[in-house]
Amino acid sequence: MKSDVLGFLEQLKEHNDRQWFQQNKTRYDEARQEVEQMVHSVIPGIAKYDPAIRYIEAKDCMFRIFRDVRFSKDKSPYKTNMGAWITPAGRKSFGPGYYIHIQPGESFLAAGVYMPAPDALKKLRSEVYYNIVEFKGILEDKKVKKYFQGLSEMDKAKLAPKDFPKDFQDMDWLKHRHYILSCPLTDELIETDDLAGWILKVFEVVQPFQQFLRRALEG
């Protein structure tokens, strides 16, 4: 992608106000269009190994730049990143999906299930409980470990979830509230022509994880 995507976001971080944004609206439109075009280009590639997402459009996966500040102490009106959550239902689904996050110095890819409803979370935990050997094998695969940093610890429960035996020796895996794997993206990679190809390679590696989660939710 063009370096101005990162350049625009870097300057937006410094000038996060409506006046500056309106003065640079053309730059924003160009940057968003470029990110959306990149998402559009990777969807058919992902669909080759995950047909469930073949009909979604890039525009339905892209998140808005505007922040919801109603309940936040930080009243900055704009996000300083651009992101897309690729699922069969687009950004409104909890997954399993593929996330692309573009932010200077903090870009990353992620795959899995984010913020599942309580009934869905119970299904995921049950699948892990009954198939713990398979689950750990997926996460320990050397191809997965080459790119992904392990299961996200975000919002992880401190206590063991109910409805599972307290003496389960792998209880730590059931304490997760999101089943997400993430992989960092460097600014240098984002600015190259190889970005889309690299994204497709990374997301292909994580297919066994995605299939495990989808099986849990569809069962």
C-alpha atoms as a PDB file:
ATOM      1  CA  MET A   1       0.000   0.000   0.000  1.00  0.00           C
ATOM      2  CA  LYS A   2       1.004   3.600  -0.360  1.00  0.00           C
ATOM      3  CA  SER A   3       2.932   4.988   2.561  1.00  0.00           C
ATOM      4  CA  ASP A   4       0.392   7.848   2.916  1.00  0.00           C
ATOM      5  CA  VAL A   5      -2.052   5.473   4.614  1.00  0.00           C
ATOM      6  CA  LEU A   6       0.307   5.253   7.565  1.00  0.00           C
ATOM      7  CA  GLY A   7       1.282   8.886   7.146  1.00  0.00           C
ATOM      8  CA  PHE A   8      -2.322  10.025   7.331  1.00  0.00           C
ATOM      9  CA  LEU A   9      -3.019   7.919  10.432  1.00  0.00           C
ATOM     10  CA  GLU A  10       0.142   9.195  12.120  1.00  0.00           C
ATOM     11  CA  GLN A  11      -0.895  12.795  11.571  1.00  0.00           C
ATOM     12  CA  LEU A  12      -4.478  12.053  12.616  1.00  0.00           C
ATOM     13  CA  LYS A  13      -3.101  10.874  15.948  1.00  0.00           C
ATOM     14  CA  GLU A  14      -1.434  14.273  16.398  1.00  0.00           C
ATOM     15  CA  HIS A  15      -4.414  16.314  15.149  1.00  0.00           C
ATOM     16  CA  ASN A  16      -7.444  14.357  16.313  1.00  0.00           C
ATOM     17  CA  ASP A  17     -10.070  17.042  15.849  1.00  0.00           C
ATOM     18  CA  ARG A  18     -12.876  17.730  13.390  1.00  0.00           C
ATOM     19  CA  GLN A  19     -11.310  20.829  11.849  1.00  0.00           C
ATOM     20  CA  TRP A  20      -8.091  19.052  10.864  1.00  0.00           C
ATOM     21  CA  PHE A  21     -10.051  16.021   9.658  1.00  0.00           C
ATOM     22  CA  GLN A  22     -12.282  18.092   7.413  1.00  0.00           C
ATOM     23  CA  GLN A  23      -9.263  19.890   5.976  1.00  0.00           C
ATOM     24  CA  ASN A  24      -7.713  16.500   5.189  1.00  0.00           C
ATOM     25  CA  LYS A  25     -10.905  14.706   4.150  1.00  0.00           C
ATOM     26  CA  THR A  26      -9.535  13.951   0.670  1.00  0.00           C
ATOM     27  CA  ARG A  27      -6.486  12.257   2.181  1.00  0.00           C
ATOM     28  CA  TYR A  28      -8.755  10.202   4.434  1.00  0.00           C
ATOM     29  CA  ASP A  29     -10.958   9.147   1.522  1.00  0.00           C
ATOM     30  CA  GLU A  30      -7.904   8.055  -0.477  1.00  0.00           C
ATOM     31  CA  ALA A  31      -6.403   6.153   2.450  1.00  0.00           C
ATOM     32  CA  ARG A  32      -9.674   4.378   3.268  1.00  0.00           C
ATOM     33  CA  GLN A  33     -10.225   3.505  -0.376  1.00  0.00           C
ATOM     34  CA  GLU A  34      -6.775   1.971  -0.568  1.00  0.00           C
ATOM     35  CA  VAL A  35      -7.310  -0.151   2.541  1.00  0.00           C
ATOM     36  CA  GLU A  36     -10.739  -1.203   1.278  1.00  0.00           C
ATOM     37  CA  GLN A  37      -9.243  -2.169  -2.081  1.00  0.00           C
ATOM     38  CA  MET A  38      -6.650  -4.295  -0.303  1.00  0.00           C
ATOM     39  CA  VAL A  39      -9.424  -6.037   1.668  1.00  0.00           C
ATOM     40  CA  HIS A  40     -11.362  -6.527  -1.580  1.00  0.00           C
ATOM     41  CA  SER A  41      -8.310  -8.168  -3.136  1.00  0.00           C
ATOM     42  CA  VAL A  42      -7.750 -10.678  -0.308  1.00  0.00           C
ATOM     43  CA  ILE A  43     -11.353 -11.877   0.128  1.00  0.00           C
ATOM     44  CA  PRO A  44     -11.311 -14.134  -3.004  1.00  0.00           C
ATOM     45  CA  GLY A  45      -7.956 -15.526  -1.886  1.00  0.00           C
ATOM     46  CA  ILE A  46      -9.238 -16.368   1.585  1.00  0.00           C
ATOM     47  CA  ALA A  47     -12.367 -17.891   0.026  1.00  0.00           C
ATOM     48  CA  LYS A  48     -10.197 -20.469  -1.751  1.00  0.00           C
ATOM     49  CA  TYR A  49      -9.539 -22.148   1.600  1.00  0.00           C
ATOM     50  CA  ASP A  50     -12.543 -20.778   3.517  1.00  0.00           C
ATOM     51  CA  PRO A  51     -15.553 -20.700   1.129  1.00  0.00           C
ATOM     52  CA  ALA A  52     -17.835 -19.359   3.866  1.00  0.00           C
ATOM     53  CA  ILE A  53     -16.665 -15.781   3.223  1.00  0.00           C
ATOM     54  CA  ARG A  54     -16.799 -15.815  -0.577  1.00  0.00           C
ATOM     55  CA  TYR A  55     -19.912 -13.618  -0.868  1.00  0.00           C
ATOM     56  CA  ILE A  56     -19.022 -10.827   1.551  1.00  0.00           C
ATOM     57  CA  GLU A  57     -18.014  -7.420   0.208  1.00  0.00           C
ATOM     58  CA  ALA A  58     -15.090  -5.388   1.500  1.00  0.00           C
ATOM     59  CA  LYS A  59     -17.251  -2.384   2.365  1.00  0.00           C
ATOM     60  CA  ASP A  60     -19.283  -4.549   4.752  1.00  0.00           C
ATOM     61  CA  CYS A  61     -16.108  -5.597   6.579  1.00  0.00           C
ATOM     62  CA  MET A  62     -14.596  -2.144   7.094  1.00  0.00           C
ATOM     63  CA  PHE A  63     -14.991  -0.346  10.426  1.00  0.00           C
ATOM     64  CA  ARG A  64     -15.907   3.327  10.638  1.00  0.00           C
ATOM     65  CA  ILE A  65     -13.209   5.857  11.530  1.00  0.00           C
ATOM     66  CA  PHE A  66     -15.551   7.637  13.949  1.00  0.00           C
ATOM     67  CA  ARG A  67     -15.309   6.766  17.639  1.00  0.00           C
ATOM     68  CA  ASP A  68     -18.287   6.293  19.937  1.00  0.00           C
ATOM     69  CA  VAL A  69     -17.365   8.736  22.708  1.00  0.00           C
ATOM     70  CA  ARG A  70     -20.653   8.659  24.652  1.00  0.00           C
ATOM     71  CA  PHE A  71     -19.276   6.612  27.536  1.00  0.00           C
ATOM     72  CA  SER A  72     -15.577   7.391  27.155  1.00  0.00           C
ATOM     73  CA  LYS A  73     -13.414   9.896  29.008  1.00  0.00           C
ATOM     74  CA  ASP A  74     -11.390  10.235  25.813  1.00  0.00           C
ATOM     75  CA  LYS A  75     -13.465  12.462  23.566  1.00  0.00           C
ATOM     76  CA  SER A  76     -11.159  12.233  20.532  1.00  0.00           C
ATOM     77  CA  PRO A  77     -13.612  11.919  17.642  1.00  0.00           C
ATOM     78  CA  TYR A  78     -11.574   9.603  15.377  1.00  0.00           C
ATOM     79  CA  LYS A  79      -9.869   6.252  15.586  1.00  0.00           C
ATOM     80  CA  THR A  80      -6.188   6.327  14.663  1.00  0.00           C
ATOM     81  CA  ASN A  81      -6.366   2.996  12.842  1.00  0.00           C
ATOM     82  CA  MET A  82      -8.228   1.346   9.994  1.00  0.00           C
ATOM     83  CA  GLY A  83      -9.574  -2.138  10.345  1.00  0.00           C
ATOM     84  CA  ALA A  84     -11.611  -4.818   8.623  1.00  0.00           C
ATOM     85  CA  TRP A  85     -13.280  -7.905  10.121  1.00  0.00           C
ATOM     86  CA  ILE A  86     -13.830 -10.457   7.371  1.00  0.00           C
ATOM     87  CA  THR A  87     -16.605 -12.945   8.170  1.00  0.00           C
ATOM     88  CA  PRO A  88     -19.603 -14.306   6.223  1.00  0.00           C
ATOM     89  CA  ALA A  89     -21.673 -11.532   7.848  1.00  0.00           C
ATOM     90  CA  GLY A  90     -19.004  -8.832   7.733  1.00  0.00           C
ATOM     91  CA  ARG A  91     -17.987  -6.645  10.679  1.00  0.00           C
ATOM     92  CA  LYS A  92     -21.225  -7.313  12.615  1.00  0.00           C
ATOM     93  CA  SER A  93     -20.399 -10.968  13.289  1.00  0.00           C
ATOM     94  CA  PHE A  94     -18.294 -12.263  16.189  1.00  0.00           C
ATOM     95  CA  GLY A  95     -16.634 -14.851  13.929  1.00  0.00           C
ATOM     96  CA  PRO A  96     -14.844 -17.042  13.187  1.00  0.00           C
ATOM     97  CA  GLY A  97     -13.268 -14.312  11.119  1.00  0.00           C
ATOM     98  CA  TYR A  98     -10.139 -12.613   9.866  1.00  0.00           C
ATOM     99  CA  TYR A  99      -9.114  -9.203  11.161  1.00  0.00           C
ATOM    100  CA  ILE A 100      -6.748  -6.753   9.472  1.00  0.00           C
ATOM    101  CA  HIS A 101      -5.620  -3.822  11.643  1.00  0.00           C
ATOM    102  CA  ILE A 102      -3.620  -0.973  10.107  1.00  0.00           C
ATOM    103  CA  GLN A 103      -2.014   1.458  12.570  1.00  0.00           C
ATOM    104  CA  PRO A 104       1.491   2.964  12.503  1.00  0.00           C
ATOM    105  CA  GLY A 105       3.760   0.783  14.622  1.00  0.00           C
ATOM    106  CA  GLU A 106       0.854  -1.317  15.903  1.00  0.00           C
ATOM    107  CA  SER A 107      -0.570  -3.156  12.875  1.00  0.00           C
ATOM    108  CA  PHE A 108      -1.518  -6.808  13.153  1.00  0.00           C
ATOM    109  CA  LEU A 109      -3.577  -9.667  11.749  1.00  0.00           C
ATOM    110  CA  ALA A 110      -5.922 -11.769  13.856  1.00  0.00           C
ATOM    111  CA  ALA A 111      -8.129 -14.801  13.351  1.00  0.00           C
ATOM    112  CA  GLY A 112     -10.764 -16.516  15.452  1.00  0.00           C
ATOM    113  CA  VAL A 113     -13.824 -15.585  17.494  1.00  0.00           C
ATOM    114  CA  TYR A 114     -14.123 -12.203  19.224  1.00  0.00           C
ATOM    115  CA  MET A 115     -16.688 -11.301  21.912  1.00  0.00           C
ATOM    116  CA  PRO A 116     -18.969 -14.337  21.503  1.00  0.00           C
ATOM    117  CA  ALA A 117     -22.345 -14.321  23.223  1.00  0.00           C
ATOM    118  CA  PRO A 118     -22.552 -16.445  26.417  1.00  0.00           C
ATOM    119  CA  ASP A 119     -24.165 -19.426  24.676  1.00  0.00           C
ATOM    120  CA  ALA A 120     -21.559 -19.337  21.893  1.00  0.00           C
ATOM    121  CA  LEU A 121     -18.722 -19.031  24.398  1.00  0.00           C
ATOM    122  CA  LYS A 122     -20.011 -22.109  26.209  1.00  0.00           C
ATOM    123  CA  LYS A 123     -19.992 -24.036  22.921  1.00  0.00           C
ATOM    124  CA  LEU A 124     -16.405 -22.974  22.259  1.00  0.00           C
ATOM    125  CA  ARG A 125     -15.270 -23.948  25.729  1.00  0.00           C
ATOM    126  CA  SER A 126     -17.057 -27.297  25.457  1.00  0.00           C
ATOM    127  CA  GLU A 127     -15.332 -28.038  22.149  1.00  0.00           C
ATOM    128  CA  VAL A 128     -11.979 -27.257  23.739  1.00  0.00           C
ATOM    129  CA  TYR A 129     -12.817 -29.364  26.791  1.00  0.00           C
ATOM    130  CA  TYR A 130     -13.843 -32.448  24.834  1.00  0.00           C
ATOM    131  CA  ASN A 131     -11.091 -32.094  22.212  1.00  0.00           C
ATOM    132  CA  ILE A 132      -8.244 -30.633  24.233  1.00  0.00           C
ATOM    133  CA  VAL A 133      -5.543 -32.757  22.610  1.00  0.00           C
ATOM    134  CA  GLU A 134      -6.631 -31.666  19.132  1.00  0.00           C
ATOM    135  CA  PHE A 135      -6.899 -28.028  20.236  1.00  0.00           C
ATOM    136  CA  LYS A 136      -3.436 -27.904  21.785  1.00  0.00           C
ATOM    137  CA  GLY A 137      -2.034 -29.678  18.759  1.00  0.00           C
ATOM    138  CA  ILE A 138      -3.394 -26.946  16.491  1.00  0.00           C
ATOM    139  CA  LEU A 139      -1.852 -24.188  18.602  1.00  0.00           C
ATOM    140  CA  GLU A 140       1.476 -26.013  18.893  1.00  0.00           C
ATOM    141  CA  ASP A 141       1.814 -26.589  15.145  1.00  0.00           C
ATOM    142  CA  LYS A 142       5.115 -25.054  14.045  1.00  0.00           C
ATOM    143  CA  LYS A 143       3.502 -23.280  11.086  1.00  0.00           C
ATOM    144  CA  VAL A 144       1.001 -21.600  13.406  1.00  0.00           C
ATOM    145  CA  LYS A 145       3.695 -20.675  15.932  1.00  0.00           C
ATOM    146  CA  LYS A 146       5.818 -19.187  13.144  1.00  0.00           C
ATOM    147  CA  TYR A 147       3.300 -16.385  12.624  1.00  0.00           C
ATOM    148  CA  PHE A 148       0.934 -16.262  15.599  1.00  0.00           C
ATOM    149  CA  GLN A 149       1.769 -15.265  19.160  1.00  0.00           C
ATOM    150  CA  GLY A 150      -0.575 -17.629  20.970  1.00  0.00           C
ATOM    151  CA  LEU A 151      -4.142 -17.329  22.178  1.00  0.00           C
ATOM    152  CA  SER A 152      -5.096 -13.794  23.230  1.00  0.00           C
ATOM    153  CA  GLU A 153      -5.186 -13.226  26.997  1.00  0.00           C
ATOM    154  CA  MET A 154      -7.569 -10.260  26.623  1.00  0.00           C
ATOM    155  CA  ASP A 155     -10.417 -10.272  29.198  1.00  0.00           C
ATOM    156  CA  LYS A 156      -9.374 -13.719  30.385  1.00  0.00           C
ATOM    157  CA  ALA A 157     -11.364 -14.947  33.375  1.00  0.00           C
ATOM    158  CA  LYS A 158      -9.587 -15.400  36.697  1.00  0.00           C
ATOM    159  CA  LEU A 159     -11.927 -18.109  37.913  1.00  0.00           C
ATOM    160  CA  ALA A 160     -12.769 -21.410  36.263  1.00  0.00           C
ATOM    161  CA  PRO A 161     -16.039 -21.260  34.283  1.00  0.00           C
ATOM    162  CA  LYS A 162     -18.966 -23.189  35.725  1.00  0.00           C
ATOM    163  CA  ASP A 163     -20.315 -26.358  34.088  1.00  0.00           C
ATOM    164  CA  PHE A 164     -16.833 -27.870  33.769  1.00  0.00           C
ATOM    165  CA  PRO A 165     -15.027 -30.195  36.194  1.00  0.00           C
ATOM    166  CA  LYS A 166     -12.896 -28.152  38.591  1.00  0.00           C
ATOM    167  CA  ASP A 167     -10.077 -30.700  38.381  1.00  0.00           C
ATOM    168  CA  PHE A 168      -9.709 -30.423  34.586  1.00  0.00           C
ATOM    169  CA  GLN A 169      -5.945 -30.164  34.182  1.00  0.00           C
ATOM    170  CA  ASP A 170      -6.155 -27.807  31.188  1.00  0.00           C
ATOM    171  CA  MET A 171      -8.675 -25.455  32.798  1.00  0.00           C
ATOM    172  CA  ASP A 172      -6.586 -22.436  31.786  1.00  0.00           C
ATOM    173  CA  TRP A 173      -7.700 -22.903  28.164  1.00  0.00           C
ATOM    174  CA  LEU A 174     -11.349 -22.619  29.248  1.00  0.00           C
ATOM    175  CA  LYS A 175     -10.864 -19.260  30.956  1.00  0.00           C
ATOM    176  CA  HIS A 176     -10.558 -17.400  27.647  1.00  0.00           C
ATOM    177  CA  ARG A 177     -13.449 -15.139  26.658  1.00  0.00           C
ATOM    178  CA  HIS A 178     -12.142 -14.634  23.115  1.00  0.00           C
ATOM    179  CA  TYR A 179     -10.564 -17.380  21.021  1.00  0.00           C
ATOM    180  CA  ILE A 180      -8.246 -15.197  18.954  1.00  0.00           C
ATOM    181  CA  LEU A 181      -4.758 -15.634  17.507  1.00  0.00           C
ATOM    182  CA  SER A 182      -2.801 -12.549  16.426  1.00  0.00           C
ATOM    183  CA  CYS A 183       0.232 -11.864  14.252  1.00  0.00           C
ATOM    184  CA  PRO A 184       2.142  -8.534  14.072  1.00  0.00           C
ATOM    185  CA  LEU A 185       2.498  -6.556  10.853  1.00  0.00           C
ATOM    186  CA  THR A 186       5.455  -4.237  10.357  1.00  0.00           C
ATOM    187  CA  ASP A 187       5.132  -0.801   8.780  1.00  0.00           C
ATOM    188  CA  GLU A 188       7.704  -1.884   6.182  1.00  0.00           C
ATOM    189  CA  LEU A 189       5.554  -4.808   5.077  1.00  0.00           C
ATOM    190  CA  ILE A 190       2.442  -2.657   4.876  1.00  0.00           C
ATOM    191  CA  GLU A 191       4.182  -0.318   2.463  1.00  0.00           C
ATOM    192  CA  THR A 192       5.246  -3.083   0.070  1.00  0.00           C
ATOM    193  CA  ASP A 193       3.427  -4.688  -2.845  1.00  0.00           C
ATOM    194  CA  ASP A 194       3.666  -8.059  -1.064  1.00  0.00           C
ATOM    195  CA  LEU A 195       1.132  -7.221   1.670  1.00  0.00           C
ATOM    196  CA  ALA A 196      -1.920  -9.003   0.189  1.00  0.00           C
ATOM    197  CA  GLY A 197       0.069 -12.133  -0.624  1.00  0.00           C
ATOM    198  CA  TRP A 198       1.557 -12.227   2.857  1.00  0.00           C
ATOM    199  CA  ILE A 199      -1.867 -11.825   4.469  1.00  0.00           C
ATOM    200  CA  LEU A 200      -3.234 -14.741   2.444  1.00  0.00           C
ATOM    201  CA  LYS A 201      -0.299 -16.941   3.429  1.00  0.00           C
ATOM    202  CA  VAL A 202      -0.750 -16.167   7.121  1.00  0.00           C
ATOM    203  CA  PHE A 203      -4.509 -16.740   7.133  1.00  0.00           C
ATOM    204  CA  GLU A 204      -4.128 -20.037   5.284  1.00  0.00           C
ATOM    205  CA  VAL A 205      -1.859 -21.328   8.045  1.00  0.00           C
ATOM    206  CA  VAL A 206      -4.564 -20.784  10.650  1.00  0.00           C
ATOM    207  CA  GLN A 207      -7.298 -22.758   8.858  1.00  0.00           C
ATOM    208  CA  PRO A 208      -7.315 -25.716  11.290  1.00  0.00           C
ATOM    209  CA  PHE A 209      -7.973 -23.247  14.127  1.00  0.00           C
ATOM    210  CA  GLN A 210     -10.820 -21.581  12.230  1.00  0.00           C
ATOM    211  CA  GLN A 211     -12.370 -24.932  11.331  1.00  0.00           C
ATOM    212  CA  PHE A 212     -12.179 -26.075  14.961  1.00  0.00           C
ATOM    213  CA  LEU A 213     -14.029 -22.955  16.121  1.00  0.00           C
ATOM    214  CA  ARG A 214     -16.632 -23.139  13.361  1.00  0.00           C
ATOM    215  CA  ARG A 215     -17.311 -26.772  14.191  1.00  0.00           C
ATOM    216  CA  ALA A 216     -17.904 -25.768  17.801  1.00  0.00           C
ATOM    217  CA  LEU A 217     -20.408 -23.073  16.912  1.00  0.00           C
ATOM    218  CA  GLU A 218     -22.251 -25.108  14.303  1.00  0.00           C
ATOM    219  CA  GLY A 219     -22.495 -28.227  16.436  1.00  0.00           C
END
